Amino acid sequence: MFYHGFGFGYGGVGMVIMAVFWALVIALILLLAIRLFRRGGHYLPPTSYEARNRPLDIAAERYAKGEISKEEFDQLKKDLS
């Protein structure tokens, strides 16, 4: 007459299976969130692209601040590429 099993039956086995399933889903979501936030906080090493272009970024910042001339910046770009 009444259906309370949700496909897992009436007993404790179905409830345990559902609890384990949802615990795994929640753990997966937490792990993904932690990984996402750690990447923003620089806990993970930079990718090879980021590491390769960092010196050029520093040179561009120095040029923008007026610390180096255009010729020096062009020479640094040439040397770094």
Protein backbone atom coordinates (compact mmCIF):
# COMPACT_ATOMS: atom_id res chain seq x y z
CA MET A 1 0.00 0.00 0.00
CA PHE A 2 2.67 2.54 0.96
CA TYR A 3 6.04 2.65 -0.76
CA HIS A 4 8.86 3.80 1.51
CA GLY A 5 11.85 1.96 0.08
CA PHE A 6 12.92 4.24 -2.78
CA GLY A 7 14.06 1.11 -4.61
CA PHE A 8 16.32 -0.09 -1.79
CA GLY A 9 13.84 -1.96 0.34
CA TYR A 10 12.61 -1.23 3.84
CA GLY A 11 15.65 -2.23 5.86
CA GLY A 12 18.89 -0.75 7.00
CA VAL A 13 20.88 -1.93 3.97
CA GLY A 14 19.16 0.53 1.66
CA MET A 15 19.64 3.36 4.11
CA VAL A 16 23.35 2.54 4.47
CA ILE A 17 23.80 2.46 0.70
CA MET A 18 22.10 5.85 0.36
CA ALA A 19 24.18 7.33 3.21
CA VAL A 20 27.43 6.10 1.64
CA PHE A 21 26.37 7.40 -1.77
CA TRP A 22 25.61 10.90 -0.47
CA ALA A 23 28.76 10.95 1.66
CA LEU A 24 30.80 10.22 -1.48
CA VAL A 25 28.99 12.92 -3.46
CA ILE A 26 29.58 15.51 -0.72
CA ALA A 27 33.25 14.47 -0.37
CA LEU A 28 33.75 14.85 -4.13
CA ILE A 29 32.21 18.32 -4.11
CA LEU A 30 34.40 19.37 -1.16
CA LEU A 31 37.56 18.04 -2.83
CA LEU A 32 36.78 19.92 -6.04
CA ALA A 33 36.08 23.13 -4.12
CA ILE A 34 39.32 22.83 -2.14
CA ARG A 35 41.32 22.24 -5.31
CA LEU A 36 39.70 25.23 -7.01
CA PHE A 37 40.41 27.59 -4.10
CA ARG A 38 43.96 26.35 -3.59
CA ARG A 39 44.76 27.13 -7.23
CA GLY A 40 43.69 30.72 -6.66
CA GLY A 41 45.83 30.87 -3.52
CA HIS A 42 48.94 29.67 -5.38
CA TYR A 43 49.27 26.45 -3.40
CA LEU A 44 49.70 24.52 -6.64
CA PRO A 45 52.77 25.04 -8.81
CA PRO A 46 52.27 27.33 -11.82
CA THR A 47 51.77 25.78 -15.20
CA SER A 48 54.65 25.79 -17.62
CA TYR A 49 52.96 28.60 -19.60
CA GLU A 50 52.73 30.82 -16.52
CA ALA A 51 56.31 30.09 -15.48
CA ARG A 52 57.61 30.74 -18.99
CA ASN A 53 55.85 34.12 -19.40
CA ARG A 54 56.50 35.53 -15.92
CA PRO A 55 59.83 37.21 -16.81
CA LEU A 56 58.21 38.90 -19.81
CA ASP A 57 55.38 40.11 -17.58
CA ILE A 58 57.92 41.61 -15.17
CA ALA A 59 59.69 43.36 -18.05
CA ALA A 60 56.36 44.74 -19.30
CA GLU A 61 55.54 46.05 -15.81
CA ARG A 62 58.96 47.73 -15.57
CA TYR A 63 58.42 49.33 -18.99
CA ALA A 64 54.97 50.54 -17.96
CA LYS A 65 56.41 52.10 -14.79
CA GLY A 66 59.10 53.85 -16.81
CA GLU A 67 61.95 51.95 -15.19
CA ILE A 68 63.30 50.80 -18.58
CA SER A 69 63.25 52.37 -22.04
CA LYS A 70 61.51 50.97 -25.12
CA GLU A 71 64.84 49.80 -26.51
CA GLU A 72 65.66 47.95 -23.29
CA PHE A 73 62.20 46.39 -23.27
CA ASP A 74 62.52 45.29 -26.90
CA GLN A 75 65.93 43.78 -26.15
CA LEU A 76 64.54 41.92 -23.12
CA LYS A 77 61.64 40.61 -25.22
CA LYS A 78 64.09 39.40 -27.85
CA ASP A 79 66.33 37.77 -25.23
CA LEU A 80 63.43 36.07 -23.42
CA SER A 81 61.75 34.60 -26.50
